[in-house]
Amino acid sequence: TATHLELGARLVLDDRGDEHRYDRLLLATGSRPRSL
C-alpha cells in the first residue's frame, strides 16, 4: 500500500518502508464502500 507522496522529490513511499522514484506517476487507487 502506498502511504505517502512527495511530489517535489518524485517519490512514492509504501507501508513496507520502501521508496519508489518516478518520472511519471499514475494514481488509480479506486473506491471503498461507504458506511452509514
Full PDB file with SEQRES, HELIX, SHEET, SSBOND, CRYST1, ORIGX, SCALE, CONECT and MASTER records, all heavy atoms in Angstrom:
SEQRES   1 A   36  THR ALA THR HIS LEU GLU LEU GLY ALA ARG LEU VAL LEU          
SEQRES   2 A   36  ASP ASP ARG GLY ASP GLU HIS ARG TYR ASP ARG LEU LEU          
SEQRES   3 A   36  LEU ALA THR GLY SER ARG PRO ARG SER LEU                      
SHEET    1 AA1 3 ALA A   2  GLU A   6  0                                        
SHEET    2 AA1 3 LEU A  11  ASP A  14 -1                                        
SHEET    3 AA1 3 GLU A  19  ARG A  21 -1                                        
CRYST1    1.000    1.000    1.000  90.00  90.00  90.00 P 1           1          
ORIGX1      1.000000  0.000000  0.000000        0.00000                         
ORIGX2      0.000000  1.000000  0.000000        0.00000                         
ORIGX3      0.000000  0.000000  1.000000        0.00000                         
SCALE1      1.000000  0.000000  0.000000        0.00000                         
SCALE2      0.000000  1.000000  0.000000        0.00000                         
SCALE3      0.000000  0.000000  1.000000        0.00000                         
ATOM      1  N   THR A   1       0.835  -1.200   0.000  1.00  0.00           N  
ATOM      2  CA  THR A   1       0.000   0.000   0.000  1.00  0.00           C  
ATOM      3  C   THR A   1       0.869   1.248   0.000  1.00  0.00           C  
ATOM      4  O   THR A   1       1.747   1.405   0.869  1.00  0.00           O  
ATOM      5  CB  THR A   1      -0.917   0.022   1.237  1.00  0.00           C  
ATOM      6  OG1 THR A   1      -1.747  -1.139   1.220  1.00  0.00           O  
ATOM      7  CG2 THR A   1      -1.791   1.269   1.254  1.00  0.00           C  
ATOM      8  N   ALA A   2       0.648   2.131  -0.964  1.00  0.00           N  
ATOM      9  CA  ALA A   2       1.326   3.423  -0.962  1.00  0.00           C  
ATOM     10  C   ALA A   2       0.764   4.274   0.172  1.00  0.00           C  
ATOM     11  O   ALA A   2      -0.449   4.364   0.360  1.00  0.00           O  
ATOM     12  CB  ALA A   2       1.133   4.125  -2.297  1.00  0.00           C  
ATOM     13  N   THR A   3       1.635   4.897   0.936  1.00  0.00           N  
ATOM     14  CA  THR A   3       1.209   5.649   2.118  1.00  0.00           C  
ATOM     15  C   THR A   3       1.479   7.143   2.030  1.00  0.00           C  
ATOM     16  O   THR A   3       0.872   7.918   2.766  1.00  0.00           O  
ATOM     17  CB  THR A   3       1.913   5.106   3.370  1.00  0.00           C  
ATOM     18  OG1 THR A   3       3.344   5.183   3.187  1.00  0.00           O  
ATOM     19  CG2 THR A   3       1.514   3.660   3.638  1.00  0.00           C  
ATOM     20  N   HIS A   4       2.378   7.555   1.146  1.00  0.00           N  
ATOM     21  CA  HIS A   4       2.752   8.970   1.113  1.00  0.00           C  
ATOM     22  C   HIS A   4       3.355   9.298  -0.246  1.00  0.00           C  
ATOM     23  O   HIS A   4       4.059   8.470  -0.839  1.00  0.00           O  
ATOM     24  CB  HIS A   4       3.771   9.264   2.223  1.00  0.00           C  
ATOM     25  CG  HIS A   4       4.135  10.707   2.346  1.00  0.00           C  
ATOM     26  ND1 HIS A   4       3.251  11.676   2.774  1.00  0.00           N  
ATOM     27  CD2 HIS A   4       5.307  11.356   2.076  1.00  0.00           C  
ATOM     28  CE1 HIS A   4       3.855  12.852   2.783  1.00  0.00           C  
ATOM     29  NE2 HIS A   4       5.100  12.681   2.362  1.00  0.00           N  
ATOM     30  N   LEU A   5       3.059  10.498  -0.725  1.00  0.00           N  
ATOM     31  CA  LEU A   5       3.659  11.010  -1.954  1.00  0.00           C  
ATOM     32  C   LEU A   5       4.501  12.234  -1.628  1.00  0.00           C  
ATOM     33  O   LEU A   5       4.063  13.108  -0.862  1.00  0.00           O  
ATOM     34  CB  LEU A   5       2.586  11.428  -2.970  1.00  0.00           C  
ATOM     35  CG  LEU A   5       1.582  10.397  -3.455  1.00  0.00           C  
ATOM     36  CD1 LEU A   5       0.620  11.049  -4.448  1.00  0.00           C  
ATOM     37  CD2 LEU A   5       2.292   9.225  -4.101  1.00  0.00           C  
ATOM     38  N   GLU A   6       5.682  12.298  -2.198  1.00  0.00           N  
ATOM     39  CA  GLU A   6       6.492  13.510  -2.143  1.00  0.00           C  
ATOM     40  C   GLU A   6       6.642  14.004  -3.572  1.00  0.00           C  
ATOM     41  O   GLU A   6       7.502  13.530  -4.321  1.00  0.00           O  
ATOM     42  CB  GLU A   6       7.851  13.221  -1.500  1.00  0.00           C  
ATOM     43  CG  GLU A   6       7.747  12.852  -0.022  1.00  0.00           C  
ATOM     44  CD  GLU A   6       9.099  12.675   0.634  1.00  0.00           C  
ATOM     45  OE1 GLU A   6      10.128  12.927  -0.040  1.00  0.00           O  
ATOM     46  OE2 GLU A   6       9.136  12.283   1.810  1.00  0.00           O  
ATOM     47  N   LEU A   7       5.741  14.914  -3.950  1.00  0.00           N  
ATOM     48  CA  LEU A   7       5.668  15.328  -5.347  1.00  0.00           C  
ATOM     49  C   LEU A   7       6.934  16.052  -5.794  1.00  0.00           C  
ATOM     50  O   LEU A   7       7.387  15.873  -6.923  1.00  0.00           O  
ATOM     51  CB  LEU A   7       4.439  16.218  -5.558  1.00  0.00           C  
ATOM     52  CG  LEU A   7       3.094  15.557  -5.242  1.00  0.00           C  
ATOM     53  CD1 LEU A   7       1.957  16.550  -5.457  1.00  0.00           C  
ATOM     54  CD2 LEU A   7       2.883  14.324  -6.114  1.00  0.00           C  
ATOM     55  N   GLY A   8       7.500  16.867  -4.905  1.00  0.00           N  
ATOM     56  CA  GLY A   8       8.710  17.595  -5.284  1.00  0.00           C  
ATOM     57  C   GLY A   8       9.884  16.668  -5.544  1.00  0.00           C  
ATOM     58  O   GLY A   8      10.663  16.873  -6.485  1.00  0.00           O  
ATOM     59  N   ALA A   9       9.997  15.641  -4.730  1.00  0.00           N  
ATOM     60  CA  ALA A   9      11.093  14.679  -4.883  1.00  0.00           C  
ATOM     61  C   ALA A   9      10.750  13.546  -5.834  1.00  0.00           C  
ATOM     62  O   ALA A   9      11.597  12.694  -6.112  1.00  0.00           O  
ATOM     63  CB  ALA A   9      11.453  14.099  -3.514  1.00  0.00           C  
ATOM     64  N   ARG A  10       9.487  13.519  -6.304  1.00  0.00           N  
ATOM     65  CA  ARG A  10       9.007  12.455  -7.197  1.00  0.00           C  
ATOM     66  C   ARG A  10       9.191  11.078  -6.564  1.00  0.00           C  
ATOM     67  O   ARG A  10       9.763  10.160  -7.154  1.00  0.00           O  
ATOM     68  CB  ARG A  10       9.706  12.522  -8.557  1.00  0.00           C  
ATOM     69  CG  ARG A  10       9.363  13.782  -9.337  1.00  0.00           C  
ATOM     70  CD  ARG A  10      10.110  13.865 -10.643  1.00  0.00           C  
ATOM     71  NE  ARG A  10       9.728  15.041 -11.396  1.00  0.00           N  
ATOM     72  CZ  ARG A  10       8.956  15.059 -12.474  1.00  0.00           C  
ATOM     73  NH1 ARG A  10       8.498  13.916 -12.962  1.00  0.00           N  
ATOM     74  NH2 ARG A  10       8.646  16.176 -13.094  1.00  0.00           N  
ATOM     75  N   LEU A  11       8.646  10.933  -5.369  1.00  0.00           N  
ATOM     76  CA  LEU A  11       8.767   9.691  -4.632  1.00  0.00           C  
ATOM     77  C   LEU A  11       7.408   9.202  -4.153  1.00  0.00           C  
ATOM     78  O   LEU A  11       6.550  10.000  -3.766  1.00  0.00           O  
ATOM     79  CB  LEU A  11       9.667   9.865  -3.400  1.00  0.00           C  
ATOM     80  CG  LEU A  11      11.167  10.027  -3.617  1.00  0.00           C  
ATOM     81  CD1 LEU A  11      11.846  10.285  -2.280  1.00  0.00           C  
ATOM     82  CD2 LEU A  11      11.760   8.784  -4.278  1.00  0.00           C  
ATOM     83  N   VAL A  12       7.236   7.884  -4.188  1.00  0.00           N  
ATOM     84  CA  VAL A  12       6.106   7.212  -3.558  1.00  0.00           C  
ATOM     85  C   VAL A  12       6.656   6.366  -2.421  1.00  0.00           C  
ATOM     86  O   VAL A  12       7.581   5.568  -2.632  1.00  0.00           O  
ATOM     87  CB  VAL A  12       5.345   6.317  -4.558  1.00  0.00           C  
ATOM     88  CG1 VAL A  12       4.181   5.611  -3.857  1.00  0.00           C  
ATOM     89  CG2 VAL A  12       4.839   7.120  -5.746  1.00  0.00           C  
ATOM     90  N   LEU A  13       6.104   6.528  -1.227  1.00  0.00           N  
ATOM     91  CA  LEU A  13       6.511   5.728  -0.081  1.00  0.00           C  
ATOM     92  C   LEU A  13       5.435   4.699   0.209  1.00  0.00           C  
ATOM     93  O   LEU A  13       4.234   4.997   0.080  1.00  0.00           O  
ATOM     94  CB  LEU A  13       6.731   6.609   1.150  1.00  0.00           C  
ATOM     95  CG  LEU A  13       8.011   7.463   1.195  1.00  0.00           C  
ATOM     96  CD1 LEU A  13       7.983   8.548   0.125  1.00  0.00           C  
ATOM     97  CD2 LEU A  13       8.186   8.109   2.568  1.00  0.00           C  
ATOM     98  N   ASP A  14       5.832   3.485   0.618  1.00  0.00           N  
ATOM     99  CA  ASP A  14       4.838   2.448   0.872  1.00  0.00           C  
ATOM    100  C   ASP A  14       4.884   1.956   2.314  1.00  0.00           C  
ATOM    101  O   ASP A  14       5.730   2.386   3.115  1.00  0.00           O  
ATOM    102  CB  ASP A  14       4.986   1.285  -0.119  1.00  0.00           C  
ATOM    103  CG  ASP A  14       6.252   0.459   0.083  1.00  0.00           C  
ATOM    104  OD1 ASP A  14       6.739   0.354   1.225  1.00  0.00           O  
ATOM    105  OD2 ASP A  14       6.756  -0.105  -0.903  1.00  0.00           O  
ATOM    106  N   ASP A  15       3.948   1.065   2.659  1.00  0.00           N  
ATOM    107  CA  ASP A  15       3.806   0.609   4.037  1.00  0.00           C  
ATOM    108  C   ASP A  15       4.878  -0.382   4.450  1.00  0.00           C  
ATOM    109  O   ASP A  15       4.895  -0.825   5.608  1.00  0.00           O  
ATOM    110  CB  ASP A  15       2.412   0.018   4.263  1.00  0.00           C  
ATOM    111  CG  ASP A  15       2.108  -1.171   3.363  1.00  0.00           C  
ATOM    112  OD1 ASP A  15       2.907  -1.456   2.436  1.00  0.00           O  
ATOM    113  OD2 ASP A  15       1.057  -1.809   3.569  1.00  0.00           O  
ATOM    114  N   ARG A  16       5.773  -0.735   3.555  1.00  0.00           N  
ATOM    115  CA  ARG A  16       6.903  -1.590   3.911  1.00  0.00           C  
ATOM    116  C   ARG A  16       8.176  -0.782   4.145  1.00  0.00           C  
ATOM    117  O   ARG A  16       9.243  -1.344   4.370  1.00  0.00           O  
ATOM    118  CB  ARG A  16       7.142  -2.631   2.818  1.00  0.00           C  
ATOM    119  CG  ARG A  16       5.962  -3.571   2.617  1.00  0.00           C  
ATOM    120  CD  ARG A  16       6.260  -4.641   1.594  1.00  0.00           C  
ATOM    121  NE  ARG A  16       5.125  -5.540   1.423  1.00  0.00           N  
ATOM    122  CZ  ARG A  16       5.126  -6.600   0.619  1.00  0.00           C  
ATOM    123  NH1 ARG A  16       6.214  -6.882  -0.095  1.00  0.00           N  
ATOM    124  NH2 ARG A  16       4.063  -7.373   0.514  1.00  0.00           N  
ATOM    125  N   GLY A  17       8.046   0.533   4.025  1.00  0.00           N  
ATOM    126  CA  GLY A  17       9.194   1.404   4.240  1.00  0.00           C  
ATOM    127  C   GLY A  17      10.029   1.662   3.010  1.00  0.00           C  
ATOM    128  O   GLY A  17      11.097   2.292   3.099  1.00  0.00           O  
ATOM    129  N   ASP A  18       9.570   1.211   1.857  1.00  0.00           N  
ATOM    130  CA  ASP A  18      10.330   1.412   0.622  1.00  0.00           C  
ATOM    131  C   ASP A  18       9.944   2.719  -0.053  1.00  0.00           C  
ATOM    132  O   ASP A  18       8.820   3.213   0.083  1.00  0.00           O  
ATOM    133  CB  ASP A  18      10.093   0.256  -0.348  1.00  0.00           C  
ATOM    134  CG  ASP A  18      10.657  -1.056   0.163  1.00  0.00           C  
ATOM    135  OD1 ASP A  18      11.656  -1.017   0.899  1.00  0.00           O  
ATOM    136  OD2 ASP A  18      10.083  -2.115  -0.167  1.00  0.00           O  
ATOM    137  N   GLU A  19      10.896   3.285  -0.796  1.00  0.00           N  
ATOM    138  CA  GLU A  19      10.672   4.488  -1.588  1.00  0.00           C  
ATOM    139  C   GLU A  19      10.781   4.135  -3.065  1.00  0.00           C  
ATOM    140  O   GLU A  19      11.657   3.357  -3.463  1.00  0.00           O  
ATOM    141  CB  GLU A  19      11.706   5.560  -1.241  1.00  0.00           C  
ATOM    142  CG  GLU A  19      11.637   6.059   0.197  1.00  0.00           C  
ATOM    143  CD  GLU A  19      12.662   7.142   0.458  1.00  0.00           C  
ATOM    144  OE1 GLU A  19      13.554   7.367  -0.406  1.00  0.00           O  
ATOM    145  OE2 GLU A  19      12.592   7.777   1.530  1.00  0.00           O  
ATOM    146  N   HIS A  20       9.894   4.726  -3.863  1.00  0.00           N  
ATOM    147  CA  HIS A  20       9.859   4.427  -5.293  1.00  0.00           C  
ATOM    148  C   HIS A  20       9.904   5.742  -6.076  1.00  0.00           C  
ATOM    149  O   HIS A  20       8.964   6.542  -6.014  1.00  0.00           O  
ATOM    150  CB  HIS A  20       8.590   3.648  -5.648  1.00  0.00           C  
ATOM    151  CG  HIS A  20       8.356   2.463  -4.760  1.00  0.00           C  
ATOM    152  ND1 HIS A  20       9.060   1.283  -4.900  1.00  0.00           N  
ATOM    153  CD2 HIS A  20       7.530   2.292  -3.696  1.00  0.00           C  
ATOM    154  CE1 HIS A  20       8.660   0.432  -3.973  1.00  0.00           C  
ATOM    155  NE2 HIS A  20       7.732   1.014  -3.238  1.00  0.00           N  
ATOM    156  N   ARG A  21      10.993   5.939  -6.788  1.00  0.00           N  
ATOM    157  CA  ARG A  21      11.135   7.135  -7.606  1.00  0.00           C  
ATOM    158  C   ARG A  21      10.332   6.980  -8.897  1.00  0.00           C  
ATOM    159  O   ARG A  21      10.224   5.878  -9.440  1.00  0.00           O  
ATOM    160  CB  ARG A  21      12.608   7.357  -7.951  1.00  0.00           C  
ATOM    161  CG  ARG A  21      12.897   8.629  -8.746  1.00  0.00           C  
ATOM    162  CD  ARG A  21      14.309   8.593  -9.316  1.00  0.00           C  
ATOM    163  NE  ARG A  21      14.528   7.400 -10.126  1.00  0.00           N  
ATOM    164  CZ  ARG A  21      14.083   7.250 -11.371  1.00  0.00           C  
ATOM    165  NH1 ARG A  21      13.353   8.210 -11.962  1.00  0.00           N  
ATOM    166  NH2 ARG A  21      14.333   6.132 -12.032  1.00  0.00           N  
ATOM    167  N   TYR A  22       9.781   8.072  -9.387  1.00  0.00           N  
ATOM    168  CA  TYR A  22       9.041   8.025 -10.651  1.00  0.00           C  
ATOM    169  C   TYR A  22       9.432   9.206 -11.537  1.00  0.00           C  
ATOM    170  O   TYR A  22       9.817  10.276 -11.048  1.00  0.00           O  
ATOM    171  CB  TYR A  22       7.532   8.039 -10.405  1.00  0.00           C  
ATOM    172  CG  TYR A  22       6.989   9.327  -9.811  1.00  0.00           C  
ATOM    173  CD1 TYR A  22       6.675  10.423 -10.620  1.00  0.00           C  
ATOM    174  CD2 TYR A  22       6.784   9.455  -8.435  1.00  0.00           C  
ATOM    175  CE1 TYR A  22       6.180  11.599 -10.085  1.00  0.00           C  
ATOM    176  CE2 TYR A  22       6.282  10.624  -7.885  1.00  0.00           C  
ATOM    177  CZ  TYR A  22       5.990  11.703  -8.716  1.00  0.00           C  
ATOM    178  OH  TYR A  22       5.511  12.865  -8.183  1.00  0.00           O  
ATOM    179  N   ASP A  23       9.317   8.981 -12.840  1.00  0.00           N  
ATOM    180  CA  ASP A  23       9.354  10.079 -13.803  1.00  0.00           C  
ATOM    181  C   ASP A  23       7.934  10.521 -14.136  1.00  0.00           C  
ATOM    182  O   ASP A  23       7.674  11.704 -14.330  1.00  0.00           O  
ATOM    183  CB  ASP A  23      10.087   9.650 -15.074  1.00  0.00           C  
ATOM    184  CG  ASP A  23      11.545   9.328 -14.808  1.00  0.00           C  
ATOM    185  OD1 ASP A  23      12.218  10.154 -14.145  1.00  0.00           O  
ATOM    186  OD2 ASP A  23      12.005   8.257 -15.236  1.00  0.00           O  
ATOM    187  N   ARG A  24       7.017   9.536 -14.239  1.00  0.00           N  
ATOM    188  CA  ARG A  24       5.581   9.806 -14.378  1.00  0.00           C  
ATOM    189  C   ARG A  24       4.852   8.930 -13.368  1.00  0.00           C  
ATOM    190  O   ARG A  24       5.261   7.788 -13.099  1.00  0.00           O  
ATOM    191  CB  ARG A  24       5.077   9.484 -15.789  1.00  0.00           C  
ATOM    192  CG  ARG A  24       5.831  10.181 -16.898  1.00  0.00           C  
ATOM    193  CD  ARG A  24       5.200  11.506 -17.323  1.00  0.00           C  
ATOM    194  NE  ARG A  24       6.204  12.343 -17.987  1.00  0.00           N  
ATOM    195  CZ  ARG A  24       6.652  12.153 -19.219  1.00  0.00           C  
ATOM    196  NH1 ARG A  24       6.153  11.167 -19.945  1.00  0.00           N  
ATOM    197  NH2 ARG A  24       7.578  12.935 -19.728  1.00  0.00           N  
ATOM    198  N   LEU A  25       3.762   9.469 -12.848  1.00  0.00           N  
ATOM    199  CA  LEU A  25       3.011   8.779 -11.813  1.00  0.00           C  
ATOM    200  C   LEU A  25       1.542   8.734 -12.186  1.00  0.00           C  
ATOM    201  O   LEU A  25       0.961   9.754 -12.581  1.00  0.00           O  
ATOM    202  CB  LEU A  25       3.176   9.515 -10.477  1.00  0.00           C  
ATOM    203  CG  LEU A  25       2.331   9.027  -9.297  1.00  0.00           C  
ATOM    204  CD1 LEU A  25       2.738   7.619  -8.882  1.00  0.00           C  
ATOM    205  CD2 LEU A  25       2.478   9.991  -8.110  1.00  0.00           C  
ATOM    206  N   LEU A  26       0.937   7.562 -12.077  1.00  0.00           N  
ATOM    207  CA  LEU A  26      -0.494   7.404 -12.277  1.00  0.00           C  
ATOM    208  C   LEU A  26      -1.128   6.975 -10.965  1.00  0.00           C  
ATOM    209  O   LEU A  26      -0.742   5.957 -10.379  1.00  0.00           O  
ATOM    210  CB  LEU A  26      -0.784   6.358 -13.356  1.00  0.00           C  
ATOM    211  CG  LEU A  26      -2.265   5.969 -13.524  1.00  0.00           C  
ATOM    212  CD1 LEU A  26      -3.106   7.170 -13.946  1.00  0.00           C  
ATOM    213  CD2 LEU A  26      -2.417   4.826 -14.513  1.00  0.00           C  
ATOM    214  N   LEU A  27      -2.118   7.728 -10.528  1.00  0.00           N  
ATOM    215  CA  LEU A  27      -2.903   7.377  -9.349  1.00  0.00           C  
ATOM    216  C   LEU A  27      -4.195   6.727  -9.809  1.00  0.00           C  
ATOM    217  O   LEU A  27      -4.986   7.336 -10.538  1.00  0.00           O  
ATOM    218  CB  LEU A  27      -3.204   8.620  -8.513  1.00  0.00           C  
ATOM    219  CG  LEU A  27      -1.988   9.388  -7.995  1.00  0.00           C  
ATOM    220  CD1 LEU A  27      -2.423  10.639  -7.258  1.00  0.00           C  
ATOM    221  CD2 LEU A  27      -1.123   8.497  -7.104  1.00  0.00           C  
ATOM    222  N   ALA A  28      -4.395   5.493  -9.397  1.00  0.00           N  
ATOM    223  CA  ALA A  28      -5.590   4.731  -9.772  1.00  0.00           C  
ATOM    224  C   ALA A  28      -6.022   3.914  -8.552  1.00  0.00           C  
ATOM    225  O   ALA A  28      -6.104   2.692  -8.596  1.00  0.00           O  
ATOM    226  CB  ALA A  28      -5.296   3.834 -10.972  1.00  0.00           C  
ATOM    227  N   THR A  29      -6.302   4.622  -7.473  1.00  0.00           N  
ATOM    228  CA  THR A  29      -6.497   3.990  -6.174  1.00  0.00           C  
ATOM    229  C   THR A  29      -7.925   3.511  -5.932  1.00  0.00           C  
ATOM    230  O   THR A  29      -8.199   2.885  -4.898  1.00  0.00           O  
ATOM    231  CB  THR A  29      -6.073   4.950  -5.046  1.00  0.00           C  
ATOM    232  OG1 THR A  29      -6.582   6.264  -5.316  1.00  0.00           O  
ATOM    233  CG2 THR A  29      -4.565   5.027  -4.959  1.00  0.00           C  
ATOM    234  N   GLY A  30      -8.862   3.780  -6.855  1.00  0.00           N  
ATOM    235  CA  GLY A  30     -10.186   3.195  -6.775  1.00  0.00           C  
ATOM    236  C   GLY A  30     -11.048   3.754  -5.666  1.00  0.00           C  
ATOM    237  O   GLY A  30     -10.862   4.888  -5.204  1.00  0.00           O  
ATOM    238  N   SER A  31     -12.017   2.946  -5.214  1.00  0.00           N  
ATOM    239  CA  SER A  31     -13.004   3.370  -4.228  1.00  0.00           C  
ATOM    240  C   SER A  31     -13.131   2.340  -3.124  1.00  0.00           C  
ATOM    241  O   SER A  31     -12.681   1.204  -3.255  1.00  0.00           O  
ATOM    242  CB  SER A  31     -14.376   3.551  -4.890  1.00  0.00           C  
ATOM    243  OG  SER A  31     -14.355   4.564  -5.866  1.00  0.00           O  
ATOM    244  N   ARG A  32     -13.782   2.748  -2.056  1.00  0.00           N  
ATOM    245  CA  ARG A  32     -14.142   1.843  -0.966  1.00  0.00           C  
ATOM    246  C   ARG A  32     -15.636   1.988  -0.693  1.00  0.00           C  
ATOM    247  O   ARG A  32     -16.212   3.054  -0.945  1.00  0.00           O  
ATOM    248  CB  ARG A  32     -13.358   2.159   0.305  1.00  0.00           C  
ATOM    249  CG  ARG A  32     -13.638   3.536   0.874  1.00  0.00           C  
ATOM    250  CD  ARG A  32     -13.060   3.688   2.282  1.00  0.00           C  
ATOM    251  NE  ARG A  32     -11.626   3.464   2.295  1.00  0.00           N  
ATOM    252  CZ  ARG A  32     -10.713   4.400   2.018  1.00  0.00           C  
ATOM    253  NH1 ARG A  32     -11.111   5.618   1.676  1.00  0.00           N  
ATOM    254  NH2 ARG A  32      -9.436   4.134   2.059  1.00  0.00           N  
ATOM    255  N   PRO A  33     -16.282   0.948  -0.182  1.00  0.00           N  
ATOM    256  CA  PRO A  33     -17.709   1.070   0.132  1.00  0.00           C  
ATOM    257  C   PRO A  33     -17.943   2.106   1.229  1.00  0.00           C  
ATOM    258  O   PRO A  33     -17.185   2.204   2.191  1.00  0.00           O  
ATOM    259  CB  PRO A  33     -18.079  -0.338   0.626  1.00  0.00           C  
ATOM    260  CG  PRO A  33     -17.020  -1.237   0.088  1.00  0.00           C  
ATOM    261  CD  PRO A  33     -15.772  -0.412   0.052  1.00  0.00           C  
ATOM    262  N   ARG A  34     -18.995   2.868   1.068  1.00  0.00           N  
ATOM    263  CA  ARG A  34     -19.381   3.827   2.106  1.00  0.00           C  
ATOM    264  C   ARG A  34     -20.071   3.104   3.254  1.00  0.00           C  
ATOM    265  O   ARG A  34     -20.729   2.080   3.048  1.00  0.00           O  
ATOM    266  CB  ARG A  34     -20.324   4.893   1.536  1.00  0.00           C  
ATOM    267  CG  ARG A  34     -19.694   5.797   0.487  1.00  0.00           C  
ATOM    268  CD  ARG A  34     -20.668   6.901   0.072  1.00  0.00           C  
ATOM    269  NE  ARG A  34     -20.145   7.685  -1.032  1.00  0.00           N  
ATOM    270  CZ  ARG A  34     -19.335   8.733  -0.889  1.00  0.00           C  
ATOM    271  NH1 ARG A  34     -18.972   9.108   0.348  1.00  0.00           N  
ATOM    272  NH2 ARG A  34     -18.894   9.408  -1.926  1.00  0.00           N  
ATOM    273  N   SER A  35     -19.948   3.659   4.432  1.00  0.00           N  
ATOM    274  CA  SER A  35     -20.700   3.176   5.590  1.00  0.00           C  
ATOM    275  C   SER A  35     -21.774   4.199   5.927  1.00  0.00           C  
ATOM    276  O   SER A  35     -21.781   5.317   5.405  1.00  0.00           O  
ATOM    277  CB  SER A  35     -19.768   2.968   6.781  1.00  0.00           C  
ATOM    278  OG  SER A  35     -19.117   4.187   7.128  1.00  0.00           O  
ATOM    279  N   LEU A  36     -22.691   3.817   6.783  1.00  0.00           N  
ATOM    280  CA  LEU A  36     -23.731   4.738   7.230  1.00  0.00           C  
ATOM    281  C   LEU A  36     -23.318   5.349   8.562  1.00  0.00           C  
ATOM    282  O   LEU A  36     -22.987   4.620   9.512  1.00  0.00           O  
ATOM    283  CB  LEU A  36     -25.061   4.006   7.394  1.00  0.00           C  
ATOM    284  CG  LEU A  36     -25.850   3.734   6.119  1.00  0.00           C  
ATOM    285  CD1 LEU A  36     -27.116   2.935   6.447  1.00  0.00           C  
ATOM    286  CD2 LEU A  36     -26.233   5.027   5.416  1.00  0.00           C  
TER     287      LEU A  36                                                      
MASTER        0    0    0    0    3    0    0    6  286    1    0    3          
END                                                                             
